[in-house]
């Protein structure tokens, strides 16, 4: 009879289960390539095993699927206990990516068992993770790498799982803005609840506002600047044109040049526009970080 059933009543399933030497590869080695697996080597006659078992099951259950517990009765299944050189029981091993990465022998207090499980989850990088979190992380990484198609697909899959997810809506809208499709970006924004706050949503709103007010041509303003580098009005309009085209780094450069030459020009219009450019780019973007450093240098020099 399973020790799990004897001690806690926890059903054998996907999170906590018994295994054998025959299924050890599938239940532990292969399974640990997708999430951490804790292996508890025990025996029915072992008193400390009966003490440790419930604590392990409780800690693994509390992890809510981020780690699995697999139990091995070494009397019936001695092969892998021998390979791992188990000298005494209970013996506990943590597997990640098919390999043992941590472990302990003997019964531990409940608090130390919880710490062991928590440490494993965090070390494996899955603390708080879920399939939706993984999709959003993949989408964000694709967007940052410029893989707009991959980002769009991942955000769309996230929205299928959670149609109201603000990060997925904001991310997908940002993808459409990056492709120059402001209309589709606006449609995605409209799917978010009124007043919803998210950095990507706010960024796309700012980008749409910049696009709506942007001049369609740059040549006239470039000509004026070529004739007079201190024509702030021409430089400001040129910055608006670049911002409307999502060339935010060029827009920020022109706005910072105006601030550097005349901070108060036109009731600080350049500084106000620059803040909108930073919002459209994203607070952690290179445009915003570099722009803020340059702005601080100008203001406090």
Foldseek 3Di string as FASTA:
>chain_A
DDLCCVQPNDDADLAEHEDALVCCCVNAQVVQAVAKEKEWEDAPVDPQSSVQVVLLVVLSVVQPPRYHYYYYHCVRHVVVCVVVVPPDPRKMFMDHNRDTDDIDHTHDPSVVSNVVVVVRSVVNPCRVHDPLNVLLVQLVVCVVVVVLVSNLVSLVVSCVVPVADPSSLLSNLLSCVVVVNLVVSVVSLVSYPPPDDDLSSQLSVLLSVLLVPADCDLVVLVVVCVVPVLPLVSLQNNLSNCSSSVVLLSSLVSLLVNCLVPCCPPNNPSVVNNVSSCSNQTCPHPSNVVSVVSNCVSVVD
